[in-house]
Structure formats: structure tokens, C-alpha cells
Amino acid sequence: QVQLVESGGGLVQAGGSLRLSCAASGRTFSRIAMGWFRRAPGKMREFVAGISWRGHMTNYADSVKGRFTISRDNAKNRVYLQMNSLNPEDTAVYYCNRLGTPKLSWGRGTQVTVSS
């Protein structure tokens, strides 16, 4: 069983940047396509970005395309999300998890708050 721990969130002004990190413990996730998801207050959890298990292919939600970059380091069992040009609409709890199903157990997420 893989355990996921997200970190790197915080409070940032609009236009600022943050880098989120997802650490996976337990069984290695090196052959699993991974993604970042987010849940804004009062909304459903939504897909943000995904990366293939080798890291060669990525895809993004339209709302973050050109601003966010997903990457991974399989040797360290980590997935990252570089977030630039943040705006208040990016405020949410961010989670990492496997793309597709079955999903791994969700971590606690990391809170990102963008002030205007």
C-alpha cells in the first residue's frame, strides 16, 4: 500500500509561485501514472495535472495550462507541482494520487491560499 504525503502549500499573493511536493512511501510508485488534484471550498475535487510513469508525457487542466508544471523523481518517490502566476481561483487543498483507477488512499493534502 502506498501512502501519500503532500507538502509545500501556503499563503501567497496573486502572481506568486509555490512548489508542491508529494512523497510516496511503501510500495514504489515508479510505474504508476500520477496526478495532482485540488478541491476548492464548496466544489468537487478536480484534476489539475498528470504525468506518465516515466515522466515523458504530461497533461493539464485548461485552467492551469501554461502556469503549472508537473514533474517526478522516481528515484526519490516524489511528484512535484510548480505553480506560477497564481490567482485567487487557485485557492484549494491540493492532493496527489494515481491517475485512473483504482485510486490510492488519499493523503491529507496541502492547503494553497492565494490572496488578491
Protein backbone atom coordinates (compact mmCIF):
# COMPACT_ATOMS: atom_id res chain seq x y z
CA GLN A 1 0.00 0.00 0.00
CA VAL A 2 1.35 3.43 -0.97
CA GLN A 3 0.97 6.29 1.45
CA LEU A 4 0.91 9.80 0.02
CA VAL A 5 2.03 12.93 1.86
CA GLU A 6 1.64 16.33 0.23
CA SER A 7 3.57 19.42 1.31
CA GLY A 8 4.64 22.85 0.14
CA GLY A 9 1.37 24.74 0.34
CA GLY A 10 0.95 28.11 1.97
CA LEU A 11 -0.35 31.64 1.66
CA VAL A 12 0.85 33.60 -1.35
CA GLN A 13 -0.15 36.81 -3.09
CA ALA A 14 -1.67 36.78 -6.54
CA GLY A 15 1.08 36.44 -9.14
CA GLY A 16 3.28 34.47 -6.79
CA SER A 17 4.64 30.93 -7.00
CA LEU A 18 4.68 27.76 -4.94
CA ARG A 19 6.16 24.33 -5.42
CA LEU A 20 4.21 21.40 -4.08
CA SER A 21 5.76 18.05 -3.29
CA CYS A 22 4.18 14.63 -2.98
CA ALA A 23 6.12 11.93 -1.16
CA ALA A 24 5.11 8.30 -1.56
CA SER A 25 6.08 5.68 0.97
CA GLY A 26 5.51 1.98 0.92
CA ARG A 27 5.41 0.18 -2.38
CA THR A 28 7.24 2.13 -5.03
CA PHE A 29 5.08 4.12 -7.38
CA SER A 30 7.62 4.30 -10.17
CA ARG A 31 5.34 2.52 -12.65
CA ILE A 32 2.20 4.45 -11.83
CA ALA A 33 0.99 7.50 -13.73
CA MET A 34 0.43 10.20 -11.13
CA GLY A 35 -1.53 13.39 -10.93
CA TRP A 36 -2.34 16.42 -8.86
CA PHE A 37 -5.91 17.21 -7.93
CA ARG A 38 -7.49 20.02 -5.96
CA ARG A 39 -10.65 20.76 -4.03
CA ALA A 40 -11.73 24.35 -3.68
CA PRO A 41 -14.18 25.38 -0.95
CA GLY A 42 -17.69 24.23 -1.84
CA LYS A 43 -16.56 22.44 -5.01
CA MET A 44 -15.82 18.90 -6.12
CA ARG A 45 -12.27 17.65 -6.31
CA GLU A 46 -10.90 18.27 -9.80
CA PHE A 47 -7.98 17.16 -11.91
CA VAL A 48 -5.09 19.63 -12.20
CA ALA A 49 -2.16 17.88 -13.88
CA GLY A 50 -0.94 14.40 -14.75
CA ILE A 51 2.35 12.73 -15.62
CA SER A 52 3.18 9.34 -17.10
CA TRP A 53 5.19 6.88 -15.03
CA ARG A 54 8.37 7.64 -16.97
CA GLY A 55 7.66 11.36 -16.88
CA HIS A 56 7.68 11.71 -20.66
CA MET A 57 4.06 12.75 -21.03
CA THR A 58 2.16 15.39 -19.13
CA ASN A 59 -1.27 16.94 -19.37
CA TYR A 60 -3.01 19.80 -17.64
CA ALA A 61 -6.41 21.21 -16.93
CA ASP A 62 -7.13 24.18 -19.17
CA SER A 63 -7.31 26.46 -16.14
CA VAL A 64 -3.66 25.87 -15.23
CA LYS A 65 -2.08 25.24 -18.62
CA GLY A 66 0.96 27.44 -19.13
CA ARG A 67 1.20 28.29 -15.42
CA PHE A 68 1.71 24.93 -13.66
CA THR A 69 4.34 22.27 -14.36
CA ILE A 70 4.22 18.71 -13.08
CA SER A 71 7.36 16.61 -12.70
CA ARG A 72 8.51 13.49 -10.89
CA ASP A 73 11.64 11.88 -9.49
CA ASN A 74 11.07 8.13 -9.34
CA ALA A 75 14.37 7.56 -7.53
CA LYS A 76 13.02 9.66 -4.68
CA ASN A 77 9.39 8.51 -4.98
CA ARG A 78 8.26 12.10 -5.40
CA VAL A 79 5.97 14.08 -7.64
CA TYR A 80 6.13 17.86 -7.84
CA LEU A 81 3.86 20.67 -8.96
CA GLN A 82 5.45 24.01 -9.77
CA MET A 83 2.76 26.68 -9.69
CA ASN A 84 3.44 30.11 -11.16
CA SER A 85 1.25 33.15 -11.73
CA LEU A 86 -1.11 32.03 -9.02
CA ASN A 87 -4.51 33.68 -8.77
CA PRO A 88 -7.26 33.53 -6.12
CA GLU A 89 -9.14 30.90 -8.16
CA ASP A 90 -6.25 28.51 -7.45
CA THR A 91 -7.08 28.53 -3.73
CA ALA A 92 -7.76 24.93 -2.75
CA VAL A 93 -6.46 21.88 -0.96
CA TYR A 94 -4.11 20.09 -3.33
CA TYR A 95 -3.72 16.32 -3.42
CA CYS A 96 -1.63 13.87 -5.38
CA ASN A 97 -2.84 10.45 -6.43
CA ARG A 98 -2.72 7.88 -9.12
CA LEU A 99 -4.25 8.75 -12.47
CA GLY A 100 -7.09 6.43 -13.35
CA THR A 101 -8.46 3.80 -11.02
CA PRO A 102 -8.26 2.32 -8.53
CA LYS A 103 -7.11 5.40 -6.67
CA LEU A 104 -4.57 5.09 -3.87
CA SER A 105 -5.61 6.17 -0.40
CA TRP A 106 -5.88 9.94 -0.41
CA GLY A 107 -3.43 11.91 1.69
CA ARG A 108 -4.38 14.93 3.77
CA GLY A 109 -3.46 17.33 1.02
CA THR A 110 -1.74 20.69 1.32
CA GLN A 111 -3.59 23.99 1.54
CA VAL A 112 -2.84 26.67 -1.03
CA THR A 113 -4.34 30.09 -0.41
CA VAL A 114 -3.88 32.91 -2.91
CA SER A 115 -4.74 36.41 -1.77
CA SER A 116 -5.76 39.13 -4.20
